[in-house]
């Protein structure tokens, strides 16, 4: 069996319990060496075969998985964050399907949630935004025309932008062109939840300057929107409001019958 496992955003103890258990049982671990915290490999058995996919092609990774499966071995394909977000797992799963090799997926905590936890922020605030857009700026891998950043920016929602820290000047231009006011809060979170994490609060207009001043040009998620720094300008949620009725709670001042 092949197990695609999300390693979490960085800190070794932020992998799921299931993910850790799968690593502990694996005969072979193929990990994304350029992104996955190597401390996670300490969970692996001392006799497990450990391979770094950063120096491998899709075909080479598939051949390793195919050979290991033929020998009855358990394989963990360890991806950073949650493998469903920019993890390039669909192409791997399709090749395994073609070969009749079974697999499953163990979710993980993606970087933007690790970053939000580090910043102690909430993406969805009443009367501010109820939407989170996870996207990237087009580069070597283009994005569909209807998903260009300036079009997504028109929604003024909370936005988590991956794989774009090396293009902050263009990123800022696209966000401004899409309608975000220059003073809109933004944040750069480098290696969220890692020991060397670095977080910088700035604005959409000063994103590139903040990146240069803090030496951040890779391995960072960019967060944008009023929810990054709401300064108290949001409405109270109805979820725990005393006047809001749920199937578990009656409004204040009403009979419990």
C-alpha atoms as a PDB file:
ATOM      1  CA  UNK A   1       0.000   0.000   0.000  1.00  0.00           C
ATOM      2  CA  UNK A   2       1.125   3.529  -0.785  1.00  0.00           C
ATOM      3  CA  UNK A   3       0.202   6.196   1.777  1.00  0.00           C
ATOM      4  CA  UNK A   4       0.273   9.857   0.751  1.00  0.00           C
ATOM      5  CA  UNK A   5       0.824  11.715   4.025  1.00  0.00           C
ATOM      6  CA  UNK A   6       0.608  15.437   4.742  1.00  0.00           C
ATOM      7  CA  UNK A   7       3.554  16.335   6.968  1.00  0.00           C
ATOM      8  CA  UNK A   8       2.001  19.530   8.312  1.00  0.00           C
ATOM      9  CA  UNK A   9       3.362  23.078   8.033  1.00  0.00           C
ATOM     10  CA  UNK A  10       6.752  22.479   9.619  1.00  0.00           C
ATOM     11  CA  UNK A  11       6.895  21.715  13.327  1.00  0.00           C
ATOM     12  CA  UNK A  12       7.439  17.973  13.752  1.00  0.00           C
ATOM     13  CA  UNK A  13       4.639  17.656  16.310  1.00  0.00           C
ATOM     14  CA  UNK A  14       2.052  19.164  13.972  1.00  0.00           C
ATOM     15  CA  UNK A  15       1.761  16.040  11.862  1.00  0.00           C
ATOM     16  CA  UNK A  16      -1.478  14.130  12.506  1.00  0.00           C
ATOM     17  CA  UNK A  17      -1.476  11.105  14.813  1.00  0.00           C
ATOM     18  CA  UNK A  18      -2.363   8.921  11.811  1.00  0.00           C
ATOM     19  CA  UNK A  19       0.424  10.417   9.742  1.00  0.00           C
ATOM     20  CA  UNK A  20       3.013   9.715  12.429  1.00  0.00           C
ATOM     21  CA  UNK A  21       1.761   6.147  12.839  1.00  0.00           C
ATOM     22  CA  UNK A  22       2.059   5.538   9.104  1.00  0.00           C
ATOM     23  CA  UNK A  23       5.662   6.791   9.115  1.00  0.00           C
ATOM     24  CA  UNK A  24       6.473   4.582  12.097  1.00  0.00           C
ATOM     25  CA  UNK A  25       5.220   1.477  10.254  1.00  0.00           C
ATOM     26  CA  UNK A  26       6.625   2.280   6.809  1.00  0.00           C
ATOM     27  CA  UNK A  27       9.263   0.176   5.079  1.00  0.00           C
ATOM     28  CA  UNK A  28       9.985   3.025   2.631  1.00  0.00           C
ATOM     29  CA  UNK A  29       9.600   6.784   3.144  1.00  0.00           C
ATOM     30  CA  UNK A  30       9.863   9.095   0.147  1.00  0.00           C
ATOM     31  CA  UNK A  31       9.851  12.675   1.420  1.00  0.00           C
ATOM     32  CA  UNK A  32       9.897  16.109  -0.225  1.00  0.00           C
ATOM     33  CA  UNK A  33      13.353  17.023   1.040  1.00  0.00           C
ATOM     34  CA  UNK A  34      13.281  20.652  -0.014  1.00  0.00           C
ATOM     35  CA  UNK A  35      10.224  21.354   2.147  1.00  0.00           C
ATOM     36  CA  UNK A  36       9.570  18.666   4.758  1.00  0.00           C
ATOM     37  CA  UNK A  37      11.122  19.097   8.194  1.00  0.00           C
ATOM     38  CA  UNK A  38      13.785  16.344   8.485  1.00  0.00           C
ATOM     39  CA  UNK A  39      12.889  15.911  12.164  1.00  0.00           C
ATOM     40  CA  UNK A  40       9.837  13.998  10.951  1.00  0.00           C
ATOM     41  CA  UNK A  41      12.126  11.255   9.663  1.00  0.00           C
ATOM     42  CA  UNK A  42      13.047  10.459  13.257  1.00  0.00           C
ATOM     43  CA  UNK A  43       9.637   8.782  13.512  1.00  0.00           C
ATOM     44  CA  UNK A  44      10.695   6.244  10.888  1.00  0.00           C
ATOM     45  CA  UNK A  45      12.115   2.829  11.750  1.00  0.00           C
ATOM     46  CA  UNK A  46      15.893   2.623  11.796  1.00  0.00           C
ATOM     47  CA  UNK A  47      15.750  -0.012   9.046  1.00  0.00           C
ATOM     48  CA  UNK A  48      13.364   1.932   6.811  1.00  0.00           C
ATOM     49  CA  UNK A  49      14.585   3.071   3.405  1.00  0.00           C
ATOM     50  CA  UNK A  50      14.537   6.887   3.247  1.00  0.00           C
ATOM     51  CA  UNK A  51      14.559   8.660  -0.127  1.00  0.00           C
ATOM     52  CA  UNK A  52      14.571  12.381  -0.912  1.00  0.00           C
ATOM     53  CA  UNK A  53      12.235  13.172  -3.809  1.00  0.00           C
ATOM     54  CA  UNK A  54      13.821  16.613  -4.319  1.00  0.00           C
ATOM     55  CA  UNK A  55      16.443  14.915  -6.533  1.00  0.00           C
ATOM     56  CA  UNK A  56      13.973  12.552  -8.222  1.00  0.00           C
ATOM     57  CA  UNK A  57      11.586  12.801 -11.154  1.00  0.00           C
ATOM     58  CA  UNK A  58       7.947  11.708 -11.120  1.00  0.00           C
ATOM     59  CA  UNK A  59       8.920   8.610 -13.058  1.00  0.00           C
ATOM     60  CA  UNK A  60      11.687   7.718 -10.586  1.00  0.00           C
ATOM     61  CA  UNK A  61       9.373   8.162  -7.603  1.00  0.00           C
ATOM     62  CA  UNK A  62       6.742   5.988  -9.285  1.00  0.00           C
ATOM     63  CA  UNK A  63       9.272   3.247 -10.020  1.00  0.00           C
ATOM     64  CA  UNK A  64      10.359   3.156  -6.372  1.00  0.00           C
ATOM     65  CA  UNK A  65       6.749   2.909  -5.217  1.00  0.00           C
ATOM     66  CA  UNK A  66       5.982   0.228  -7.809  1.00  0.00           C
ATOM     67  CA  UNK A  67       9.000  -1.901  -6.844  1.00  0.00           C
ATOM     68  CA  UNK A  68       8.284  -1.540  -3.120  1.00  0.00           C
ATOM     69  CA  UNK A  69       4.642  -2.545  -3.605  1.00  0.00           C
ATOM     70  CA  UNK A  70       5.703  -5.613  -5.612  1.00  0.00           C
ATOM     71  CA  UNK A  71       7.788  -6.664  -2.601  1.00  0.00           C
ATOM     72  CA  UNK A  72       4.844  -6.236  -0.244  1.00  0.00           C
ATOM     73  CA  UNK A  73       6.279  -3.169   1.449  1.00  0.00           C
ATOM     74  CA  UNK A  74       4.429  -0.257   3.047  1.00  0.00           C
ATOM     75  CA  UNK A  75       5.353   3.083   1.474  1.00  0.00           C
ATOM     76  CA  UNK A  76       4.840   6.602   2.830  1.00  0.00           C
ATOM     77  CA  UNK A  77       4.977   9.413   0.292  1.00  0.00           C
ATOM     78  CA  UNK A  78       5.535  12.362   2.618  1.00  0.00           C
ATOM     79  CA  UNK A  79       4.479  15.765   1.337  1.00  0.00           C
ATOM     80  CA  UNK A  80       4.697  19.121   3.057  1.00  0.00           C
ATOM     81  CA  UNK A  81       1.563  20.675   4.577  1.00  0.00           C
ATOM     82  CA  UNK A  82      -1.539  19.010   3.200  1.00  0.00           C
ATOM     83  CA  UNK A  83      -0.813  17.034   0.065  1.00  0.00           C
ATOM     84  CA  UNK A  84      -4.006  18.235  -1.636  1.00  0.00           C
ATOM     85  CA  UNK A  85      -2.735  21.839  -1.778  1.00  0.00           C
ATOM     86  CA  UNK A  86      -0.017  22.291  -4.418  1.00  0.00           C
ATOM     87  CA  UNK A  87       1.215  18.786  -3.626  1.00  0.00           C
ATOM     88  CA  UNK A  88       1.219  17.400  -7.199  1.00  0.00           C
ATOM     89  CA  UNK A  89      -0.285  14.130  -5.955  1.00  0.00           C
ATOM     90  CA  UNK A  90      -2.956  13.715  -8.651  1.00  0.00           C
ATOM     91  CA  UNK A  91      -0.342  12.810 -11.267  1.00  0.00           C
ATOM     92  CA  UNK A  92       1.216  10.277  -8.894  1.00  0.00           C
ATOM     93  CA  UNK A  93      -2.127   8.694  -8.045  1.00  0.00           C
ATOM     94  CA  UNK A  94      -3.071   8.440 -11.709  1.00  0.00           C
ATOM     95  CA  UNK A  95       0.122   6.492 -12.462  1.00  0.00           C
ATOM     96  CA  UNK A  96      -0.531   4.183  -9.517  1.00  0.00           C
ATOM     97  CA  UNK A  97      -4.094   3.648 -10.770  1.00  0.00           C
ATOM     98  CA  UNK A  98      -2.723   2.681 -14.187  1.00  0.00           C
ATOM     99  CA  UNK A  99      -0.569   0.028 -12.499  1.00  0.00           C
ATOM    100  CA  UNK A 100      -3.315  -1.234 -10.217  1.00  0.00           C
ATOM    101  CA  UNK A 101      -1.445  -0.204  -7.066  1.00  0.00           C
ATOM    102  CA  UNK A 102      -3.648   0.705  -4.079  1.00  0.00           C
ATOM    103  CA  UNK A 103      -3.107   3.937  -2.160  1.00  0.00           C
ATOM    104  CA  UNK A 104      -4.733   6.201   0.389  1.00  0.00           C
ATOM    105  CA  UNK A 105      -4.313   9.782   1.573  1.00  0.00           C
ATOM    106  CA  UNK A 106      -3.721  11.093   5.099  1.00  0.00           C
ATOM    107  CA  UNK A 107      -4.486  14.842   5.375  1.00  0.00           C
ATOM    108  CA  UNK A 108      -2.202  17.364   7.023  1.00  0.00           C
ATOM    109  CA  UNK A 109      -2.195  20.958   8.256  1.00  0.00           C
ATOM    110  CA  UNK A 110      -1.446  23.261   5.341  1.00  0.00           C
ATOM    111  CA  UNK A 111       0.930  26.234   5.668  1.00  0.00           C
ATOM    112  CA  UNK A 112      -1.694  28.965   5.728  1.00  0.00           C
ATOM    113  CA  UNK A 113      -3.300  27.446   8.817  1.00  0.00           C
ATOM    114  CA  UNK A 114       0.053  27.158  10.540  1.00  0.00           C
ATOM    115  CA  UNK A 115       0.680  30.795   9.628  1.00  0.00           C
ATOM    116  CA  UNK A 116      -2.720  31.891  10.968  1.00  0.00           C
ATOM    117  CA  UNK A 117      -2.012  30.103  14.242  1.00  0.00           C
ATOM    118  CA  UNK A 118       1.360  31.836  14.545  1.00  0.00           C
ATOM    119  CA  UNK A 119      -0.280  35.209  13.904  1.00  0.00           C
ATOM    120  CA  UNK A 120      -3.221  34.340  16.198  1.00  0.00           C
ATOM    121  CA  UNK A 121      -5.647  35.446  13.511  1.00  0.00           C
ATOM    122  CA  UNK A 122      -8.991  34.287  12.131  1.00  0.00           C
ATOM    123  CA  UNK A 123      -9.588  34.323   8.373  1.00  0.00           C
ATOM    124  CA  UNK A 124     -13.376  34.578   8.606  1.00  0.00           C
ATOM    125  CA  UNK A 125     -14.703  37.544  10.581  1.00  0.00           C
ATOM    126  CA  UNK A 126     -18.364  38.669  10.515  1.00  0.00           C
ATOM    127  CA  UNK A 127     -18.908  41.792   8.400  1.00  0.00           C
ATOM    128  CA  UNK A 128     -15.246  41.622   7.249  1.00  0.00           C
ATOM    129  CA  UNK A 129     -15.047  38.453   5.163  1.00  0.00           C
ATOM    130  CA  UNK A 130     -16.465  34.949   5.218  1.00  0.00           C
ATOM    131  CA  UNK A 131     -14.224  33.568   2.503  1.00  0.00           C
ATOM    132  CA  UNK A 132     -10.638  32.335   2.303  1.00  0.00           C
ATOM    133  CA  UNK A 133      -9.000  32.083  -1.118  1.00  0.00           C
ATOM    134  CA  UNK A 134      -5.932  29.832  -1.379  1.00  0.00           C
ATOM    135  CA  UNK A 135      -4.023  30.509  -4.577  1.00  0.00           C
ATOM    136  CA  UNK A 136      -0.667  31.357  -6.145  1.00  0.00           C
ATOM    137  CA  UNK A 137       0.783  33.882  -8.566  1.00  0.00           C
ATOM    138  CA  UNK A 138       1.369  32.432 -11.995  1.00  0.00           C
ATOM    139  CA  UNK A 139       5.025  31.644 -12.711  1.00  0.00           C
ATOM    140  CA  UNK A 140       6.588  28.523 -14.225  1.00  0.00           C
ATOM    141  CA  UNK A 141       3.218  26.931 -13.573  1.00  0.00           C
ATOM    142  CA  UNK A 142       0.549  29.240 -15.025  1.00  0.00           C
ATOM    143  CA  UNK A 143      -2.863  29.736 -13.481  1.00  0.00           C
ATOM    144  CA  UNK A 144      -6.162  29.614 -15.426  1.00  0.00           C
ATOM    145  CA  UNK A 145      -7.149  32.982 -16.900  1.00  0.00           C
ATOM    146  CA  UNK A 146     -10.240  33.236 -14.702  1.00  0.00           C
ATOM    147  CA  UNK A 147      -8.086  32.694 -11.606  1.00  0.00           C
ATOM    148  CA  UNK A 148      -5.598  35.486 -12.237  1.00  0.00           C
ATOM    149  CA  UNK A 149      -4.721  37.155  -8.978  1.00  0.00           C
ATOM    150  CA  UNK A 150      -6.158  40.544  -9.915  1.00  0.00           C
ATOM    151  CA  UNK A 151      -9.523  38.910 -10.629  1.00  0.00           C
ATOM    152  CA  UNK A 152      -9.543  37.034  -7.326  1.00  0.00           C
ATOM    153  CA  UNK A 153      -8.544  40.245  -5.547  1.00  0.00           C
ATOM    154  CA  UNK A 154     -11.830  41.842  -6.618  1.00  0.00           C
ATOM    155  CA  UNK A 155     -13.590  39.801  -3.926  1.00  0.00           C
ATOM    156  CA  UNK A 156     -11.664  41.556  -1.139  1.00  0.00           C
ATOM    157  CA  UNK A 157     -11.719  38.268   0.773  1.00  0.00           C
ATOM    158  CA  UNK A 158      -8.983  36.839   2.973  1.00  0.00           C
ATOM    159  CA  UNK A 159      -6.300  35.416   0.743  1.00  0.00           C
ATOM    160  CA  UNK A 160      -3.425  32.977   1.344  1.00  0.00           C
ATOM    161  CA  UNK A 161      -0.918  33.088  -1.493  1.00  0.00           C
ATOM    162  CA  UNK A 162       1.571  30.258  -1.873  1.00  0.00           C
ATOM    163  CA  UNK A 163       4.727  29.878  -3.944  1.00  0.00           C
ATOM    164  CA  UNK A 164       4.972  33.594  -4.662  1.00  0.00           C
ATOM    165  CA  UNK A 165       7.437  35.032  -2.141  1.00  0.00           C
ATOM    166  CA  UNK A 166      10.048  35.449  -4.873  1.00  0.00           C
ATOM    167  CA  UNK A 167       7.727  37.708  -6.898  1.00  0.00           C
ATOM    168  CA  UNK A 168       6.511  40.183  -4.290  1.00  0.00           C
ATOM    169  CA  UNK A 169       6.751  43.270  -6.508  1.00  0.00           C
ATOM    170  CA  UNK A 170       4.489  41.686  -9.118  1.00  0.00           C
ATOM    171  CA  UNK A 171       2.284  40.210  -6.430  1.00  0.00           C
ATOM    172  CA  UNK A 172       1.692  43.636  -4.907  1.00  0.00           C
ATOM    173  CA  UNK A 173       0.940  45.114  -8.337  1.00  0.00           C
ATOM    174  CA  UNK A 174      -1.644  42.417  -9.068  1.00  0.00           C
ATOM    175  CA  UNK A 175      -3.381  42.826  -5.719  1.00  0.00           C
ATOM    176  CA  UNK A 176      -3.565  46.588  -6.117  1.00  0.00           C
ATOM    177  CA  UNK A 177      -4.798  46.262  -9.703  1.00  0.00           C
ATOM    178  CA  UNK A 178      -7.532  43.939  -8.433  1.00  0.00           C
ATOM    179  CA  UNK A 179      -8.843  46.547  -6.025  1.00  0.00           C
ATOM    180  CA  UNK A 180      -7.242  45.968  -2.648  1.00  0.00           C
ATOM    181  CA  UNK A 181      -6.608  49.408  -1.106  1.00  0.00           C
ATOM    182  CA  UNK A 182      -2.859  50.060  -0.634  1.00  0.00           C
ATOM    183  CA  UNK A 183      -3.280  50.090   3.159  1.00  0.00           C
ATOM    184  CA  UNK A 184      -4.891  46.641   3.257  1.00  0.00           C
ATOM    185  CA  UNK A 185      -3.121  44.549   5.932  1.00  0.00           C
ATOM    186  CA  UNK A 186      -0.820  41.786   4.718  1.00  0.00           C
ATOM    187  CA  UNK A 187       1.636  39.381   6.289  1.00  0.00           C
ATOM    188  CA  UNK A 188       4.680  37.418   5.237  1.00  0.00           C
ATOM    189  CA  UNK A 189       5.177  34.215   7.208  1.00  0.00           C
ATOM    190  CA  UNK A 190       8.452  32.466   6.455  1.00  0.00           C
ATOM    191  CA  UNK A 191       8.583  28.742   7.337  1.00  0.00           C
ATOM    192  CA  UNK A 192       5.439  28.864   9.461  1.00  0.00           C
ATOM    193  CA  UNK A 193       5.724  26.862  12.722  1.00  0.00           C
ATOM    194  CA  UNK A 194       9.399  25.970  12.140  1.00  0.00           C
ATOM    195  CA  UNK A 195      11.944  27.014  14.783  1.00  0.00           C
ATOM    196  CA  UNK A 196      13.299  29.599  12.332  1.00  0.00           C
ATOM    197  CA  UNK A 197       9.853  31.009  11.574  1.00  0.00           C
ATOM    198  CA  UNK A 198       9.764  34.687  10.698  1.00  0.00           C
ATOM    199  CA  UNK A 199       6.542  36.720  10.485  1.00  0.00           C
ATOM    200  CA  UNK A 200       6.171  40.264   9.236  1.00  0.00           C
ATOM    201  CA  UNK A 201       3.018  42.388   9.220  1.00  0.00           C
ATOM    202  CA  UNK A 202       2.885  44.977   6.439  1.00  0.00           C
ATOM    203  CA  UNK A 203       0.412  46.211   3.824  1.00  0.00           C
ATOM    204  CA  UNK A 204      -0.378  45.244   0.256  1.00  0.00           C
ATOM    205  CA  UNK A 205       1.570  48.296  -0.907  1.00  0.00           C
ATOM    206  CA  UNK A 206       4.669  47.507   1.182  1.00  0.00           C
ATOM    207  CA  UNK A 207       4.842  43.738   0.585  1.00  0.00           C
ATOM    208  CA  UNK A 208       7.952  43.827  -1.597  1.00  0.00           C
ATOM    209  CA  UNK A 209       9.735  46.295   0.668  1.00  0.00           C
ATOM    210  CA  UNK A 210       8.947  44.153   3.720  1.00  0.00           C
ATOM    211  CA  UNK A 211      10.288  41.091   1.950  1.00  0.00           C
ATOM    212  CA  UNK A 212      13.558  42.787   1.041  1.00  0.00           C
ATOM    213  CA  UNK A 213      14.053  44.295   4.497  1.00  0.00           C
ATOM    214  CA  UNK A 214      13.545  40.935   6.169  1.00  0.00           C
ATOM    215  CA  UNK A 215      15.322  38.751   3.629  1.00  0.00           C
ATOM    216  CA  UNK A 216      12.174  36.815   2.732  1.00  0.00           C
ATOM    217  CA  UNK A 217      12.072  35.681  -0.877  1.00  0.00           C
ATOM    218  CA  UNK A 218      11.085  32.014  -0.615  1.00  0.00           C
ATOM    219  CA  UNK A 219       9.419  29.421   1.631  1.00  0.00           C
ATOM    220  CA  UNK A 220       6.832  31.932   2.808  1.00  0.00           C
ATOM    221  CA  UNK A 221       3.075  32.184   2.585  1.00  0.00           C
ATOM    222  CA  UNK A 222       1.605  35.633   1.944  1.00  0.00           C
ATOM    223  CA  UNK A 223      -1.612  36.508   3.746  1.00  0.00           C
ATOM    224  CA  UNK A 224      -3.773  39.389   2.574  1.00  0.00           C
ATOM    225  CA  UNK A 225      -6.987  41.001   3.759  1.00  0.00           C
ATOM    226  CA  UNK A 226      -8.556  43.015   6.548  1.00  0.00           C
ATOM    227  CA  UNK A 227      -8.728  39.911   8.741  1.00  0.00           C
ATOM    228  CA  UNK A 228      -4.930  39.942   9.017  1.00  0.00           C
ATOM    229  CA  UNK A 229      -5.151  42.985  11.284  1.00  0.00           C
ATOM    230  CA  UNK A 230      -8.815  43.867  11.909  1.00  0.00           C
ATOM    231  CA  UNK A 231      -8.083  46.251  14.810  1.00  0.00           C
ATOM    232  CA  UNK A 232     -11.415  45.370  16.390  1.00  0.00           C
ATOM    233  CA  UNK A 233     -13.450  46.357  13.312  1.00  0.00           C
ATOM    234  CA  UNK A 234     -15.663  43.290  13.064  1.00  0.00           C
ATOM    235  CA  UNK A 235     -19.037  42.138  14.364  1.00  0.00           C
ATOM    236  CA  UNK A 236     -19.540  39.572  17.083  1.00  0.00           C
ATOM    237  CA  UNK A 237     -20.304  36.085  15.806  1.00  0.00           C
ATOM    238  CA  UNK A 238     -23.853  34.845  16.348  1.00  0.00           C
ATOM    239  CA  UNK A 239     -22.548  31.394  17.237  1.00  0.00           C
ATOM    240  CA  UNK A 240     -22.296  32.131  20.966  1.00  0.00           C
ATOM    241  CA  UNK A 241     -24.507  35.216  21.083  1.00  0.00           C
ATOM    242  CA  UNK A 242     -27.038  35.079  23.947  1.00  0.00           C
ATOM    243  CA  UNK A 243     -29.869  36.063  21.573  1.00  0.00           C
ATOM    244  CA  UNK A 244     -29.102  33.313  19.048  1.00  0.00           C
ATOM    245  CA  UNK A 245     -31.027  30.044  19.263  1.00  0.00           C
ATOM    246  CA  UNK A 246     -29.424  26.733  18.384  1.00  0.00           C
ATOM    247  CA  UNK A 247     -30.574  23.122  18.774  1.00  0.00           C
ATOM    248  CA  UNK A 248     -28.554  23.076  22.001  1.00  0.00           C
ATOM    249  CA  UNK A 249     -29.275  26.491  23.478  1.00  0.00           C
ATOM    250  CA  UNK A 250     -32.327  28.719  23.872  1.00  0.00           C
ATOM    251  CA  UNK A 251     -32.036  32.522  23.574  1.00  0.00           C
ATOM    252  CA  UNK A 252     -31.415  34.383  26.816  1.00  0.00           C
ATOM    253  CA  UNK A 253     -34.601  35.202  28.707  1.00  0.00           C
ATOM    254  CA  UNK A 254     -36.715  32.440  27.119  1.00  0.00           C
ATOM    255  CA  UNK A 255     -38.086  29.282  28.673  1.00  0.00           C
ATOM    256  CA  UNK A 256     -35.977  26.189  28.399  1.00  0.00           C
ATOM    257  CA  UNK A 257     -39.077  24.099  27.688  1.00  0.00           C
END
